[in-house]
Amino acid sequence: MMSPNWLAPALLFVALCGTGALGAQVEEPVVLRDFRLQSAVLVEANGETVSSVGFVPEGWHPVRVPSTVLRALVADGVYPDPYVGMNNMR
């Protein structure tokens, strides 16, 4: 049985890419902090302003990532915990 001629170079390429040997920079993970959320209906600023570095959200809800929108709003006291008693019926 013959092996394909392309297999060895392909495996070498994959191995080199994984180590960053082909010039790819291997960077440290970025730690993301201080997430906040707000309904787009309540935000008066446009997307460019909200995305800028100097934007300071006032009255926004803090979010601990990873999270869902509901979990973040429960943690901020907007809604009661749906897993306690009959809170999910509210």
PDB file of N, CA and C in Angstrom:
ATOM      1  N   MET A   1       0.848  -1.183   0.000  1.00  0.00           N
ATOM      2  CA  MET A   1       0.000   0.000   0.000  1.00  0.00           C
ATOM      3  C   MET A   1       0.888   1.239   0.000  1.00  0.00           C
ATOM      4  N   MET A   2       0.594   2.180  -0.872  1.00  0.00           N
ATOM      5  CA  MET A   2       1.390   3.397  -0.998  1.00  0.00           C
ATOM      6  C   MET A   2       0.838   4.502  -0.118  1.00  0.00           C
ATOM      7  N   SER A   3       1.729   5.255   0.535  1.00  0.00           N
ATOM      8  CA  SER A   3       1.257   6.408   1.304  1.00  0.00           C
ATOM      9  C   SER A   3       1.285   7.634   0.413  1.00  0.00           C
ATOM     10  N   PRO A   4       0.388   8.567   0.625  1.00  0.00           N
ATOM     11  CA  PRO A   4       0.358   9.769  -0.210  1.00  0.00           C
ATOM     12  C   PRO A   4       1.629  10.599  -0.013  1.00  0.00           C
ATOM     13  N   ASN A   5       2.099  11.201  -1.086  1.00  0.00           N
ATOM     14  CA  ASN A   5       3.324  12.005  -1.045  1.00  0.00           C
ATOM     15  C   ASN A   5       3.142  13.305  -0.282  1.00  0.00           C
ATOM     16  N   TRP A   6       1.936  13.767  -0.126  1.00  0.00           N
ATOM     17  CA  TRP A   6       1.680  15.055   0.523  1.00  0.00           C
ATOM     18  C   TRP A   6       1.564  14.944   2.030  1.00  0.00           C
ATOM     19  N   LEU A   7       1.478  13.733   2.587  1.00  0.00           N
ATOM     20  CA  LEU A   7       1.210  13.564   4.008  1.00  0.00           C
ATOM     21  C   LEU A   7       2.338  14.089   4.887  1.00  0.00           C
ATOM     22  N   ALA A   8       3.584  13.764   4.587  1.00  0.00           N
ATOM     23  CA  ALA A   8       4.713  14.210   5.422  1.00  0.00           C
ATOM     24  C   ALA A   8       4.844  15.731   5.431  1.00  0.00           C
ATOM     25  N   PRO A   9       4.821  16.409   4.273  1.00  0.00           N
ATOM     26  CA  PRO A   9       4.905  17.880   4.320  1.00  0.00           C
ATOM     27  C   PRO A   9       3.724  18.519   5.045  1.00  0.00           C
ATOM     28  N   ALA A  10       2.533  17.941   4.918  1.00  0.00           N
ATOM     29  CA  ALA A  10       1.359  18.502   5.597  1.00  0.00           C
ATOM     30  C   ALA A  10       1.507  18.381   7.101  1.00  0.00           C
ATOM     31  N   LEU A  11       1.967  17.238   7.588  1.00  0.00           N
ATOM     32  CA  LEU A  11       2.170  17.056   9.023  1.00  0.00           C
ATOM     33  C   LEU A  11       3.251  17.998   9.546  1.00  0.00           C
ATOM     34  N   LEU A  12       4.322  18.194   8.777  1.00  0.00           N
ATOM     35  CA  LEU A  12       5.374  19.115   9.177  1.00  0.00           C
ATOM     36  C   LEU A  12       4.830  20.537   9.271  1.00  0.00           C
ATOM     37  N   PHE A  13       4.007  20.938   8.305  1.00  0.00           N
ATOM     38  CA  PHE A  13       3.419  22.267   8.313  1.00  0.00           C
ATOM     39  C   PHE A  13       2.547  22.473   9.548  1.00  0.00           C
ATOM     40  N   VAL A  14       1.723  21.480   9.868  1.00  0.00           N
ATOM     41  CA  VAL A  14       0.853  21.562  11.043  1.00  0.00           C
ATOM     42  C   VAL A  14       1.690  21.658  12.311  1.00  0.00           C
ATOM     43  N   ALA A  15       2.761  20.877  12.400  1.00  0.00           N
ATOM     44  CA  ALA A  15       3.625  20.905  13.580  1.00  0.00           C
ATOM     45  C   ALA A  15       4.309  22.256  13.724  1.00  0.00           C
ATOM     46  N   LEU A  16       4.783  22.829  12.628  1.00  0.00           N
ATOM     47  CA  LEU A  16       5.460  24.128  12.684  1.00  0.00           C
ATOM     48  C   LEU A  16       4.490  25.249  13.027  1.00  0.00           C
ATOM     49  N   CYS A  17       3.267  25.192  12.508  1.00  0.00           N
ATOM     50  CA  CYS A  17       2.269  26.214  12.830  1.00  0.00           C
ATOM     51  C   CYS A  17       1.899  26.176  14.304  1.00  0.00           C
ATOM     52  N   GLY A  18       1.824  25.002  14.872  1.00  0.00           N
ATOM     53  CA  GLY A  18       1.465  24.860  16.277  1.00  0.00           C
ATOM     54  C   GLY A  18       2.507  25.428  17.214  1.00  0.00           C
ATOM     55  N   THR A  19       3.777  25.481  16.780  1.00  0.00           N
ATOM     56  CA  THR A  19       4.848  25.984  17.646  1.00  0.00           C
ATOM     57  C   THR A  19       5.146  27.454  17.406  1.00  0.00           C
ATOM     58  N   GLY A  20       4.571  28.030  16.360  1.00  0.00           N
ATOM     59  CA  GLY A  20       4.863  29.417  16.026  1.00  0.00           C
ATOM     60  C   GLY A  20       6.159  29.561  15.240  1.00  0.00           C
ATOM     61  N   ALA A  21       6.715  28.458  14.736  1.00  0.00           N
ATOM     62  CA  ALA A  21       7.992  28.476  14.046  1.00  0.00           C
ATOM     63  C   ALA A  21       7.916  29.114  12.667  1.00  0.00           C
ATOM     64  N   LEU A  22       6.750  29.281  12.111  1.00  0.00           N
ATOM     65  CA  LEU A  22       6.623  29.868  10.780  1.00  0.00           C
ATOM     66  C   LEU A  22       6.363  31.367  10.833  1.00  0.00           C
ATOM     67  N   GLY A  23       6.721  31.999  11.920  1.00  0.00           N
ATOM     68  CA  GLY A  23       6.570  33.435  12.037  1.00  0.00           C
ATOM     69  C   GLY A  23       5.279  33.866  12.702  1.00  0.00           C
ATOM     70  N   ALA A  24       4.398  32.954  12.980  1.00  0.00           N
ATOM     71  CA  ALA A  24       3.159  33.311  13.669  1.00  0.00           C
ATOM     72  C   ALA A  24       3.484  33.665  15.107  1.00  0.00           C
ATOM     73  N   GLN A  25       2.988  34.773  15.556  1.00  0.00           N
ATOM     74  CA  GLN A  25       3.251  35.194  16.926  1.00  0.00           C
ATOM     75  C   GLN A  25       2.274  34.506  17.861  1.00  0.00           C
ATOM     76  N   VAL A  26       2.818  33.855  18.868  1.00  0.00           N
ATOM     77  CA  VAL A  26       1.994  33.220  19.880  1.00  0.00           C
ATOM     78  C   VAL A  26       1.870  34.214  21.022  1.00  0.00           C
ATOM     79  N   GLU A  27       0.652  34.722  21.234  1.00  0.00           N
ATOM     80  CA  GLU A  27       0.446  35.758  22.237  1.00  0.00           C
ATOM     81  C   GLU A  27      -0.197  35.180  23.483  1.00  0.00           C
ATOM     82  N   GLU A  28       0.009  35.876  24.573  1.00  0.00           N
ATOM     83  CA  GLU A  28      -0.623  35.510  25.833  1.00  0.00           C
ATOM     84  C   GLU A  28      -2.115  35.825  25.739  1.00  0.00           C
ATOM     85  N   PRO A  29      -2.962  35.076  26.435  1.00  0.00           N
ATOM     86  CA  PRO A  29      -4.395  35.379  26.392  1.00  0.00           C
ATOM     87  C   PRO A  29      -4.696  36.745  26.995  1.00  0.00           C
ATOM     88  N   VAL A  30      -5.695  37.389  26.465  1.00  0.00           N
ATOM     89  CA  VAL A  30      -6.111  38.700  26.945  1.00  0.00           C
ATOM     90  C   VAL A  30      -7.164  38.493  28.025  1.00  0.00           C
ATOM     91  N   VAL A  31      -6.965  39.126  29.170  1.00  0.00           N
ATOM     92  CA  VAL A  31      -7.941  39.038  30.247  1.00  0.00           C
ATOM     93  C   VAL A  31      -8.909  40.200  30.095  1.00  0.00           C
ATOM     94  N   LEU A  32     -10.166  39.889  29.939  1.00  0.00           N
ATOM     95  CA  LEU A  32     -11.181  40.914  29.747  1.00  0.00           C
ATOM     96  C   LEU A  32     -11.890  41.168  31.067  1.00  0.00           C
ATOM     97  N   ARG A  33     -12.014  42.424  31.432  1.00  0.00           N
ATOM     98  CA  ARG A  33     -12.632  42.779  32.707  1.00  0.00           C
ATOM     99  C   ARG A  33     -13.635  43.905  32.516  1.00  0.00           C
ATOM    100  N   ASP A  34     -14.397  44.115  33.570  1.00  0.00           N
ATOM    101  CA  ASP A  34     -15.309  45.256  33.667  1.00  0.00           C
ATOM    102  C   ASP A  34     -16.322  45.306  32.526  1.00  0.00           C
ATOM    103  N   PHE A  35     -16.981  44.179  32.301  1.00  0.00           N
ATOM    104  CA  PHE A  35     -18.047  44.148  31.312  1.00  0.00           C
ATOM    105  C   PHE A  35     -19.309  44.762  31.910  1.00  0.00           C
ATOM    106  N   ARG A  36     -20.074  45.447  31.071  1.00  0.00           N
ATOM    107  CA  ARG A  36     -21.335  46.039  31.489  1.00  0.00           C
ATOM    108  C   ARG A  36     -22.320  45.877  30.346  1.00  0.00           C
ATOM    109  N   LEU A  37     -23.608  45.870  30.688  1.00  0.00           N
ATOM    110  CA  LEU A  37     -24.623  45.753  29.648  1.00  0.00           C
ATOM    111  C   LEU A  37     -25.760  46.728  29.910  1.00  0.00           C
ATOM    112  N   GLN A  38     -26.420  47.067  28.822  1.00  0.00           N
ATOM    113  CA  GLN A  38     -27.570  47.961  28.892  1.00  0.00           C
ATOM    114  C   GLN A  38     -28.416  47.731  27.646  1.00  0.00           C
ATOM    115  N   SER A  39     -29.698  47.916  27.757  1.00  0.00           N
ATOM    116  CA  SER A  39     -30.587  47.796  26.611  1.00  0.00           C
ATOM    117  C   SER A  39     -30.239  48.876  25.589  1.00  0.00           C
ATOM    118  N   ALA A  40     -30.182  48.493  24.331  1.00  0.00           N
ATOM    119  CA  ALA A  40     -29.880  49.454  23.269  1.00  0.00           C
ATOM    120  C   ALA A  40     -30.944  50.540  23.186  1.00  0.00           C
ATOM    121  N   VAL A  41     -32.149  50.255  23.634  1.00  0.00           N
ATOM    122  CA  VAL A  41     -33.233  51.238  23.630  1.00  0.00           C
ATOM    123  C   VAL A  41     -32.915  52.393  24.589  1.00  0.00           C
ATOM    124  N   LEU A  42     -32.204  52.089  25.670  1.00  0.00           N
ATOM    125  CA  LEU A  42     -31.907  53.103  26.679  1.00  0.00           C
ATOM    126  C   LEU A  42     -30.602  53.853  26.450  1.00  0.00           C
ATOM    127  N   VAL A  43     -29.803  53.433  25.479  1.00  0.00           N
ATOM    128  CA  VAL A  43     -28.507  54.065  25.213  1.00  0.00           C
ATOM    129  C   VAL A  43     -28.685  55.140  24.149  1.00  0.00           C
ATOM    130  N   GLU A  44     -28.335  56.368  24.507  1.00  0.00           N
ATOM    131  CA  GLU A  44     -28.485  57.476  23.559  1.00  0.00           C
ATOM    132  C   GLU A  44     -27.267  57.643  22.665  1.00  0.00           C
ATOM    133  N   ALA A  45     -26.105  57.170  23.113  1.00  0.00           N
ATOM    134  CA  ALA A  45     -24.874  57.308  22.326  1.00  0.00           C
ATOM    135  C   ALA A  45     -24.899  56.345  21.144  1.00  0.00           C
ATOM    136  N   ASN A  46     -24.210  56.716  20.057  1.00  0.00           N
ATOM    137  CA  ASN A  46     -24.146  55.842  18.888  1.00  0.00           C
ATOM    138  C   ASN A  46     -23.080  54.757  19.097  1.00  0.00           C
ATOM    139  N   GLY A  47     -23.036  53.788  18.199  1.00  0.00           N
ATOM    140  CA  GLY A  47     -22.121  52.665  18.316  1.00  0.00           C
ATOM    141  C   GLY A  47     -20.670  53.059  18.342  1.00  0.00           C
ATOM    142  N   GLU A  48     -20.296  54.070  17.560  1.00  0.00           N
ATOM    143  CA  GLU A  48     -18.902  54.523  17.524  1.00  0.00           C
ATOM    144  C   GLU A  48     -18.487  55.079  18.886  1.00  0.00           C
ATOM    145  N   THR A  49     -19.363  55.839  19.515  1.00  0.00           N
ATOM    146  CA  THR A  49     -19.066  56.413  20.831  1.00  0.00           C
ATOM    147  C   THR A  49     -18.977  55.324  21.890  1.00  0.00           C
ATOM    148  N   VAL A  50     -19.923  54.388  21.882  1.00  0.00           N
ATOM    149  CA  VAL A  50     -19.931  53.305  22.862  1.00  0.00           C
ATOM    150  C   VAL A  50     -18.682  52.433  22.717  1.00  0.00           C
ATOM    151  N   SER A  51     -18.190  52.275  21.497  1.00  0.00           N
ATOM    152  CA  SER A  51     -17.023  51.433  21.239  1.00  0.00           C
ATOM    153  C   SER A  51     -15.699  52.126  21.516  1.00  0.00           C
ATOM    154  N   SER A  52     -15.715  53.414  21.762  1.00  0.00           N
ATOM    155  CA  SER A  52     -14.454  54.138  21.960  1.00  0.00           C
ATOM    156  C   SER A  52     -13.863  53.848  23.333  1.00  0.00           C
ATOM    157  N   VAL A  53     -12.563  54.034  23.440  1.00  0.00           N
ATOM    158  CA  VAL A  53     -11.840  53.755  24.680  1.00  0.00           C
ATOM    159  C   VAL A  53     -12.289  54.671  25.807  1.00  0.00           C
ATOM    160  N   GLY A  54     -12.607  55.903  25.518  1.00  0.00           N
ATOM    161  CA  GLY A  54     -12.951  56.862  26.548  1.00  0.00           C
ATOM    162  C   GLY A  54     -14.395  56.821  27.030  1.00  0.00           C
ATOM    163  N   PHE A  55     -15.205  55.949  26.463  1.00  0.00           N
ATOM    164  CA  PHE A  55     -16.624  55.894  26.841  1.00  0.00           C
ATOM    165  C   PHE A  55     -16.769  55.355  28.259  1.00  0.00           C
ATOM    166  N   VAL A  56     -17.522  56.062  29.087  1.00  0.00           N
ATOM    167  CA  VAL A  56     -17.790  55.636  30.463  1.00  0.00           C
ATOM    168  C   VAL A  56     -19.285  55.363  30.597  1.00  0.00           C
ATOM    169  N   PRO A  57     -19.671  54.085  30.700  1.00  0.00           N
ATOM    170  CA  PRO A  57     -21.098  53.777  30.817  1.00  0.00           C
ATOM    171  C   PRO A  57     -21.636  54.131  32.197  1.00  0.00           C
ATOM    172  N   GLU A  58     -22.688  54.910  32.244  1.00  0.00           N
ATOM    173  CA  GLU A  58     -23.303  55.280  33.518  1.00  0.00           C
ATOM    174  C   GLU A  58     -24.672  54.621  33.612  1.00  0.00           C
ATOM    175  N   GLY A  59     -24.933  53.947  34.727  1.00  0.00           N
ATOM    176  CA  GLY A  59     -26.205  53.281  34.923  1.00  0.00           C
ATOM    177  C   GLY A  59     -26.302  51.935  34.236  1.00  0.00           C
ATOM    178  N   TRP A  60     -25.192  51.407  33.731  1.00  0.00           N
ATOM    179  CA  TRP A  60     -25.187  50.105  33.074  1.00  0.00           C
ATOM    180  C   TRP A  60     -25.033  49.008  34.126  1.00  0.00           C
ATOM    181  N   HIS A  61     -25.443  47.813  33.794  1.00  0.00           N
ATOM    182  CA  HIS A  61     -25.396  46.678  34.714  1.00  0.00           C
ATOM    183  C   HIS A  61     -24.044  45.968  34.605  1.00  0.00           C
ATOM    184  N   PRO A  62     -23.381  45.702  35.737  1.00  0.00           N
ATOM    185  CA  PRO A  62     -22.116  44.960  35.673  1.00  0.00           C
ATOM    186  C   PRO A  62     -22.368  43.509  35.276  1.00  0.00           C
ATOM    187  N   VAL A  63     -21.420  42.926  34.556  1.00  0.00           N
ATOM    188  CA  VAL A  63     -21.547  41.546  34.102  1.00  0.00           C
ATOM    189  C   VAL A  63     -20.264  40.800  34.448  1.00  0.00           C
ATOM    190  N   ARG A  64     -20.421  39.643  35.057  1.00  0.00           N
ATOM    191  CA  ARG A  64     -19.279  38.771  35.305  1.00  0.00           C
ATOM    192  C   ARG A  64     -19.260  37.725  34.193  1.00  0.00           C
ATOM    193  N   VAL A  65     -18.218  37.733  33.392  1.00  0.00           N
ATOM    194  CA  VAL A  65     -18.130  36.872  32.215  1.00  0.00           C
ATOM    195  C   VAL A  65     -17.488  35.544  32.607  1.00  0.00           C
ATOM    196  N   PRO A  66     -17.968  34.414  32.120  1.00  0.00           N
ATOM    197  CA  PRO A  66     -19.083  34.235  31.197  1.00  0.00           C
ATOM    198  C   PRO A  66     -20.425  34.323  31.915  1.00  0.00           C
ATOM    199  N   SER A  67     -21.420  34.766  31.199  1.00  0.00           N
ATOM    200  CA  SER A  67     -22.745  34.923  31.769  1.00  0.00           C
ATOM    201  C   SER A  67     -23.769  35.048  30.655  1.00  0.00           C
ATOM    202  N   THR A  68     -25.015  34.921  31.043  1.00  0.00           N
ATOM    203  CA  THR A  68     -26.103  35.247  30.125  1.00  0.00           C
ATOM    204  C   THR A  68     -26.643  36.603  30.553  1.00  0.00           C
ATOM    205  N   VAL A  69     -27.448  37.204  29.722  1.00  0.00           N
ATOM    206  CA  VAL A  69     -28.054  38.484  30.072  1.00  0.00           C
ATOM    207  C   VAL A  69     -28.931  38.317  31.308  1.00  0.00           C
ATOM    208  N   LEU A  70     -29.737  37.250  31.353  1.00  0.00           N
ATOM    209  CA  LEU A  70     -30.605  37.027  32.509  1.00  0.00           C
ATOM    210  C   LEU A  70     -29.789  36.855  33.782  1.00  0.00           C
ATOM    211  N   ARG A  71     -28.745  36.046  33.741  1.00  0.00           N
ATOM    212  CA  ARG A  71     -27.924  35.807  34.935  1.00  0.00           C
ATOM    213  C   ARG A  71     -27.290  37.121  35.409  1.00  0.00           C
ATOM    214  N   ALA A  72     -26.846  37.963  34.484  1.00  0.00           N
ATOM    215  CA  ALA A  72     -26.252  39.245  34.862  1.00  0.00           C
ATOM    216  C   ALA A  72     -27.279  40.157  35.520  1.00  0.00           C
ATOM    217  N   LEU A  73     -28.501  40.178  34.999  1.00  0.00           N
ATOM    218  CA  LEU A  73     -29.542  41.029  35.574  1.00  0.00           C
ATOM    219  C   LEU A  73     -30.024  40.497  36.921  1.00  0.00           C
ATOM    220  N   VAL A  74     -30.028  39.183  37.109  1.00  0.00           N
ATOM    221  CA  VAL A  74     -30.357  38.601  38.412  1.00  0.00           C
ATOM    222  C   VAL A  74     -29.259  38.975  39.413  1.00  0.00           C
ATOM    223  N   ALA A  75     -28.008  38.858  39.012  1.00  0.00           N
ATOM    224  CA  ALA A  75     -26.890  39.194  39.902  1.00  0.00           C
ATOM    225  C   ALA A  75     -26.910  40.659  40.301  1.00  0.00           C
ATOM    226  N   ASP A  76     -27.409  41.534  39.412  1.00  0.00           N
ATOM    227  CA  ASP A  76     -27.474  42.970  39.710  1.00  0.00           C
ATOM    228  C   ASP A  76     -28.755  43.361  40.443  1.00  0.00           C
ATOM    229  N   GLY A  77     -29.633  42.388  40.712  1.00  0.00           N
ATOM    230  CA  GLY A  77     -30.843  42.663  41.478  1.00  0.00           C
ATOM    231  C   GLY A  77     -32.019  43.174  40.674  1.00  0.00           C
ATOM    232  N   VAL A  78     -31.924  43.152  39.347  1.00  0.00           N
ATOM    233  CA  VAL A  78     -33.028  43.612  38.512  1.00  0.00           C
ATOM    234  C   VAL A  78     -34.182  42.612  38.578  1.00  0.00           C
ATOM    235  N   TYR A  79     -33.865  41.326  38.544  1.00  0.00           N
ATOM    236  CA  TYR A  79     -34.861  40.259  38.609  1.00  0.00           C
ATOM    237  C   TYR A  79     -34.518  39.325  39.764  1.00  0.00           C
ATOM    238  N   PRO A  80     -35.543  38.665  40.353  1.00  0.00           N
ATOM    239  CA  PRO A  80     -35.256  37.670  41.381  1.00  0.00           C
ATOM    240  C   PRO A  80     -34.698  36.393  40.728  1.00  0.00           C
ATOM    241  N   ASP A  81     -33.974  35.609  41.490  1.00  0.00           N
ATOM    242  CA  ASP A  81     -33.398  34.358  40.980  1.00  0.00           C
ATOM    243  C   ASP A  81     -34.525  33.423  40.539  1.00  0.00           C
ATOM    244  N   PRO A  82     -34.579  33.060  39.249  1.00  0.00           N
ATOM    245  CA  PRO A  82     -35.676  32.226  38.765  1.00  0.00           C
ATOM    246  C   PRO A  82     -35.635  30.794  39.301  1.00  0.00           C
ATOM    247  N   TYR A  83     -34.531  30.389  39.909  1.00  0.00           N
ATOM    248  CA  TYR A  83     -34.418  29.032  40.431  1.00  0.00           C
ATOM    249  C   TYR A  83     -34.807  28.928  41.898  1.00  0.00           C
ATOM    250  N   VAL A  84     -35.310  30.009  42.478  1.00  0.00           N
ATOM    251  CA  VAL A  84     -35.740  30.005  43.866  1.00  0.00           C
ATOM    252  C   VAL A  84     -37.257  30.114  43.924  1.00  0.00           C
ATOM    253  N   GLY A  85     -37.876  29.181  44.606  1.00  0.00           N
ATOM    254  CA  GLY A  85     -39.329  29.218  44.798  1.00  0.00           C
ATOM    255  C   GLY A  85     -40.093  29.355  43.507  1.00  0.00           C
ATOM    256  N   MET A  86     -41.031  30.273  43.487  1.00  0.00           N
ATOM    257  CA  MET A  86     -41.868  30.518  42.304  1.00  0.00           C
ATOM    258  C   MET A  86     -41.427  31.766  41.543  1.00  0.00           C
ATOM    259  N   ASN A  87     -40.184  32.189  41.744  1.00  0.00           N
ATOM    260  CA  ASN A  87     -39.695  33.401  41.077  1.00  0.00           C
ATOM    261  C   ASN A  87     -39.775  33.327  39.563  1.00  0.00           C
ATOM    262  N   ASN A  88     -39.649  32.128  38.995  1.00  0.00           N
ATOM    263  CA  ASN A  88     -39.700  32.029  37.534  1.00  0.00           C
ATOM    264  C   ASN A  88     -41.093  32.326  36.974  1.00  0.00           C
ATOM    265  N   MET A  89     -42.098  32.391  37.846  1.00  0.00           N
ATOM    266  CA  MET A  89     -43.455  32.714  37.403  1.00  0.00           C
ATOM    267  C   MET A  89     -43.686  34.232  37.336  1.00  0.00           C
ATOM    268  N   ARG A  90     -42.798  35.016  37.942  1.00  0.00           N
ATOM    269  CA  ARG A  90     -42.971  36.468  37.953  1.00  0.00           C
ATOM    270  C   ARG A  90     -42.740  37.070  36.594  1.00  0.00           C
TER     271      ARG A  90
END
